[in-house]
């Protein structure tokens, strides 16, 4: 199991980004969350088997969201960041 912490920059708020990401997550065996940040970025935490997480993150970049993403920063994090999570949700 792996975990990735991702920050998306661009026109990523107010365009249904989080809802699209949550919908895409349903196609993969991943857990985590997505939320808007006050500085205009979107933050995502995703975990699962390496091929599932990689496929999920690739699906985001291949979706209609690609047109609003100007930069994506992906960081590996310890799987302990996933403790207590089940499913994939949108955080406030």
N, C-alpha and C. Protein backbone atom coordinates (compact mmCIF):
# COMPACT_ATOMS: atom_id res chain seq x y z
N UNK A 1 0.85 -1.18 0.00
CA UNK A 1 0.00 0.00 0.00
C UNK A 1 0.89 1.24 0.00
N UNK A 2 0.44 2.27 -0.75
CA UNK A 2 1.16 3.54 -0.82
C UNK A 2 0.18 4.68 -0.56
N UNK A 3 0.73 5.86 -0.30
CA UNK A 3 -0.09 7.06 -0.13
C UNK A 3 0.57 8.21 -0.89
N UNK A 4 -0.26 9.01 -1.53
CA UNK A 4 0.21 10.19 -2.26
C UNK A 4 -0.57 11.42 -1.81
N UNK A 5 0.16 12.50 -1.59
CA UNK A 5 -0.39 13.79 -1.22
C UNK A 5 -0.17 14.69 -2.43
N UNK A 6 -1.25 15.21 -2.99
CA UNK A 6 -1.16 15.94 -4.25
C UNK A 6 -1.77 17.32 -4.11
N UNK A 7 -1.12 18.30 -4.72
CA UNK A 7 -1.64 19.66 -4.79
C UNK A 7 -1.84 20.03 -6.26
N UNK A 8 -3.01 20.53 -6.57
CA UNK A 8 -3.34 20.97 -7.93
C UNK A 8 -3.47 22.48 -7.93
N UNK A 9 -2.85 23.11 -8.94
CA UNK A 9 -2.94 24.56 -9.11
C UNK A 9 -3.55 24.86 -10.47
N UNK A 10 -4.14 26.02 -10.58
CA UNK A 10 -4.78 26.46 -11.81
C UNK A 10 -6.16 27.00 -11.48
N UNK A 11 -7.08 26.86 -12.41
CA UNK A 11 -8.47 27.27 -12.16
C UNK A 11 -9.22 26.04 -11.67
N UNK A 12 -8.82 25.57 -10.49
CA UNK A 12 -9.30 24.28 -9.98
C UNK A 12 -10.42 24.40 -8.95
N UNK A 13 -10.82 25.60 -8.63
CA UNK A 13 -11.95 25.78 -7.72
C UNK A 13 -13.11 26.42 -8.47
N UNK A 14 -14.32 26.00 -8.12
CA UNK A 14 -15.50 26.55 -8.76
C UNK A 14 -15.82 25.92 -10.10
N UNK A 15 -15.19 24.76 -10.39
CA UNK A 15 -15.42 24.09 -11.68
C UNK A 15 -15.86 22.63 -11.50
N UNK A 16 -16.22 22.26 -10.28
CA UNK A 16 -16.63 20.88 -10.02
C UNK A 16 -15.47 19.92 -9.86
N UNK A 17 -14.30 20.44 -9.60
CA UNK A 17 -13.09 19.62 -9.49
C UNK A 17 -13.23 18.51 -8.46
N UNK A 18 -13.62 18.87 -7.25
CA UNK A 18 -13.69 17.87 -6.17
C UNK A 18 -14.72 16.79 -6.46
N UNK A 19 -15.85 17.17 -7.04
CA UNK A 19 -16.90 16.21 -7.34
C UNK A 19 -16.48 15.27 -8.47
N UNK A 20 -15.77 15.80 -9.45
CA UNK A 20 -15.25 14.96 -10.53
C UNK A 20 -14.22 13.99 -9.99
N UNK A 21 -13.33 14.46 -9.12
CA UNK A 21 -12.32 13.59 -8.52
C UNK A 21 -12.98 12.48 -7.71
N UNK A 22 -13.99 12.83 -6.93
CA UNK A 22 -14.68 11.81 -6.14
C UNK A 22 -15.34 10.78 -7.05
N UNK A 23 -15.92 11.23 -8.14
CA UNK A 23 -16.54 10.32 -9.10
C UNK A 23 -15.48 9.39 -9.73
N UNK A 24 -14.34 9.95 -10.11
CA UNK A 24 -13.26 9.14 -10.69
C UNK A 24 -12.75 8.11 -9.68
N UNK A 25 -12.71 8.49 -8.41
CA UNK A 25 -12.21 7.57 -7.38
C UNK A 25 -13.04 6.31 -7.29
N UNK A 26 -14.32 6.39 -7.65
CA UNK A 26 -15.20 5.22 -7.59
C UNK A 26 -14.75 4.11 -8.53
N UNK A 27 -13.96 4.45 -9.54
CA UNK A 27 -13.47 3.48 -10.49
C UNK A 27 -12.18 2.79 -10.07
N UNK A 28 -11.67 3.16 -8.90
CA UNK A 28 -10.40 2.63 -8.42
C UNK A 28 -10.55 2.20 -6.97
N UNK A 29 -9.73 1.28 -6.57
CA UNK A 29 -9.73 0.81 -5.19
C UNK A 29 -8.79 1.70 -4.38
N UNK A 30 -9.25 2.94 -4.13
CA UNK A 30 -8.45 3.92 -3.38
C UNK A 30 -9.27 4.48 -2.23
N UNK A 31 -8.57 4.95 -1.22
CA UNK A 31 -9.19 5.67 -0.12
C UNK A 31 -8.53 7.04 -0.03
N UNK A 32 -9.22 7.98 0.59
CA UNK A 32 -8.63 9.30 0.75
C UNK A 32 -9.67 10.40 0.75
N UNK A 33 -9.21 11.58 0.38
CA UNK A 33 -10.08 12.75 0.39
C UNK A 33 -9.54 13.82 -0.55
N UNK A 34 -10.39 14.80 -0.84
CA UNK A 34 -10.02 15.96 -1.65
C UNK A 34 -10.68 17.17 -1.00
N UNK A 35 -9.99 18.32 -1.05
CA UNK A 35 -10.57 19.54 -0.48
C UNK A 35 -9.96 20.77 -1.14
N UNK A 36 -10.73 21.88 -1.09
CA UNK A 36 -10.24 23.18 -1.54
C UNK A 36 -9.38 23.79 -0.45
N UNK A 37 -8.37 24.54 -0.87
CA UNK A 37 -7.52 25.29 0.06
C UNK A 37 -7.81 26.78 -0.10
N UNK A 38 -7.60 27.55 0.96
CA UNK A 38 -7.88 28.99 0.90
C UNK A 38 -7.06 29.74 -0.16
N UNK A 39 -5.90 29.20 -0.54
CA UNK A 39 -5.04 29.88 -1.51
C UNK A 39 -5.42 29.58 -2.97
N UNK A 40 -6.53 28.85 -3.19
CA UNK A 40 -7.00 28.58 -4.54
C UNK A 40 -6.59 27.22 -5.09
N UNK A 41 -5.74 26.51 -4.38
CA UNK A 41 -5.35 25.17 -4.81
C UNK A 41 -6.35 24.13 -4.32
N UNK A 42 -6.22 22.92 -4.85
CA UNK A 42 -6.97 21.77 -4.37
C UNK A 42 -5.95 20.76 -3.85
N UNK A 43 -6.26 20.20 -2.68
CA UNK A 43 -5.39 19.23 -2.03
C UNK A 43 -6.07 17.86 -2.05
N UNK A 44 -5.27 16.82 -2.29
CA UNK A 44 -5.80 15.47 -2.38
C UNK A 44 -4.88 14.51 -1.63
N UNK A 45 -5.46 13.57 -0.92
CA UNK A 45 -4.71 12.48 -0.31
C UNK A 45 -5.33 11.20 -0.83
N UNK A 46 -4.52 10.32 -1.41
CA UNK A 46 -5.03 9.06 -1.94
C UNK A 46 -4.09 7.92 -1.56
N UNK A 47 -4.69 6.80 -1.22
CA UNK A 47 -3.89 5.64 -0.87
C UNK A 47 -4.51 4.36 -1.39
N UNK A 48 -3.67 3.36 -1.55
CA UNK A 48 -4.11 2.06 -2.03
C UNK A 48 -2.93 1.32 -2.61
N UNK A 49 -3.22 0.29 -3.37
CA UNK A 49 -2.16 -0.44 -4.05
C UNK A 49 -1.54 0.47 -5.12
N UNK A 50 -0.23 0.35 -5.35
CA UNK A 50 0.45 1.28 -6.27
C UNK A 50 -0.23 1.44 -7.63
N UNK A 51 -0.69 0.34 -8.24
CA UNK A 51 -1.30 0.44 -9.56
C UNK A 51 -2.65 1.15 -9.51
N UNK A 52 -3.37 1.01 -8.42
CA UNK A 52 -4.67 1.69 -8.27
C UNK A 52 -4.47 3.19 -8.08
N UNK A 53 -3.53 3.57 -7.23
CA UNK A 53 -3.27 5.00 -7.01
C UNK A 53 -2.74 5.65 -8.28
N UNK A 54 -1.80 4.99 -8.95
CA UNK A 54 -1.25 5.53 -10.19
C UNK A 54 -2.34 5.69 -11.25
N UNK A 55 -3.20 4.71 -11.36
CA UNK A 55 -4.30 4.79 -12.33
C UNK A 55 -5.26 5.91 -12.01
N UNK A 56 -5.57 6.08 -10.74
CA UNK A 56 -6.47 7.14 -10.30
C UNK A 56 -5.89 8.52 -10.61
N UNK A 57 -4.63 8.73 -10.25
CA UNK A 57 -4.01 10.03 -10.50
C UNK A 57 -3.89 10.29 -12.00
N UNK A 58 -3.60 9.25 -12.79
CA UNK A 58 -3.54 9.41 -14.23
C UNK A 58 -4.92 9.75 -14.79
N UNK A 59 -5.96 9.11 -14.26
CA UNK A 59 -7.32 9.39 -14.72
C UNK A 59 -7.70 10.84 -14.49
N UNK A 60 -7.27 11.42 -13.39
CA UNK A 60 -7.54 12.84 -13.12
C UNK A 60 -6.91 13.69 -14.21
N UNK A 61 -5.65 13.40 -14.52
CA UNK A 61 -4.93 14.20 -15.50
C UNK A 61 -5.42 13.97 -16.94
N UNK A 62 -6.11 12.85 -17.17
CA UNK A 62 -6.65 12.55 -18.50
C UNK A 62 -8.12 12.96 -18.64
N UNK A 63 -8.72 13.41 -17.56
CA UNK A 63 -10.12 13.79 -17.57
C UNK A 63 -10.29 15.21 -18.09
N UNK A 64 -11.54 15.67 -18.09
CA UNK A 64 -11.80 17.06 -18.49
C UNK A 64 -11.14 18.07 -17.56
N UNK A 65 -10.70 17.62 -16.40
CA UNK A 65 -10.01 18.51 -15.46
C UNK A 65 -8.64 18.94 -15.96
N UNK A 66 -8.07 18.20 -16.89
CA UNK A 66 -6.74 18.53 -17.41
C UNK A 66 -6.67 19.96 -17.92
N UNK A 67 -7.77 20.46 -18.45
CA UNK A 67 -7.79 21.81 -19.00
C UNK A 67 -7.71 22.91 -17.96
N UNK A 68 -8.00 22.60 -16.70
CA UNK A 68 -7.97 23.62 -15.66
C UNK A 68 -6.75 23.47 -14.75
N UNK A 69 -6.03 22.36 -14.87
CA UNK A 69 -4.85 22.13 -14.03
C UNK A 69 -3.63 22.73 -14.70
N UNK A 70 -2.97 23.65 -14.01
CA UNK A 70 -1.75 24.26 -14.53
C UNK A 70 -0.50 23.59 -13.94
N UNK A 71 -0.63 23.04 -12.74
CA UNK A 71 0.50 22.41 -12.08
C UNK A 71 -0.02 21.34 -11.13
N UNK A 72 0.71 20.25 -11.05
CA UNK A 72 0.38 19.16 -10.14
C UNK A 72 1.67 18.79 -9.39
N UNK A 73 1.60 18.81 -8.07
CA UNK A 73 2.74 18.42 -7.24
C UNK A 73 2.34 17.17 -6.47
N UNK A 74 3.06 16.07 -6.72
CA UNK A 74 2.76 14.79 -6.09
C UNK A 74 3.87 14.46 -5.11
N UNK A 75 3.49 14.15 -3.88
CA UNK A 75 4.45 13.79 -2.84
C UNK A 75 4.09 12.43 -2.26
N UNK A 76 5.09 11.60 -2.07
CA UNK A 76 4.87 10.34 -1.37
C UNK A 76 4.81 10.64 0.12
N UNK A 77 3.85 10.04 0.80
CA UNK A 77 3.73 10.20 2.24
C UNK A 77 3.58 8.82 2.86
N UNK A 78 3.83 8.75 4.14
CA UNK A 78 3.70 7.50 4.86
C UNK A 78 2.25 7.06 4.89
N UNK A 79 2.03 5.76 4.77
CA UNK A 79 0.66 5.25 4.76
C UNK A 79 -0.07 5.50 6.08
N UNK A 80 0.65 5.89 7.12
CA UNK A 80 -0.02 6.22 8.38
C UNK A 80 -0.97 7.41 8.20
N UNK A 81 -0.78 8.20 7.15
CA UNK A 81 -1.68 9.32 6.86
C UNK A 81 -3.08 8.83 6.52
N UNK A 82 -3.21 7.56 6.20
CA UNK A 82 -4.49 6.99 5.79
C UNK A 82 -5.27 6.36 6.95
N UNK A 83 -4.66 6.32 8.13
CA UNK A 83 -5.29 5.66 9.27
C UNK A 83 -6.66 6.28 9.55
N UNK A 84 -7.65 5.44 9.68
CA UNK A 84 -8.99 5.89 9.99
C UNK A 84 -9.84 6.25 8.78
N UNK A 85 -9.24 6.21 7.59
CA UNK A 85 -9.99 6.55 6.39
C UNK A 85 -10.64 5.32 5.79
N UNK A 86 -11.80 5.52 5.22
CA UNK A 86 -12.50 4.48 4.47
C UNK A 86 -13.23 5.14 3.33
N UNK A 87 -13.06 4.65 2.15
CA UNK A 87 -13.70 5.28 1.00
C UNK A 87 -12.97 6.54 0.58
N UNK A 88 -13.60 7.31 -0.29
CA UNK A 88 -13.01 8.56 -0.78
C UNK A 88 -14.05 9.66 -0.59
N UNK A 89 -13.66 10.75 0.06
CA UNK A 89 -14.63 11.78 0.41
C UNK A 89 -14.14 13.18 0.04
N UNK A 90 -15.08 14.11 0.07
CA UNK A 90 -14.79 15.53 -0.10
C UNK A 90 -14.80 16.14 1.29
N UNK A 91 -13.71 16.78 1.65
CA UNK A 91 -13.64 17.46 2.94
C UNK A 91 -14.03 18.91 2.79
N UNK A 92 -14.56 19.50 3.86
CA UNK A 92 -14.92 20.93 3.80
C UNK A 92 -13.69 21.80 3.71
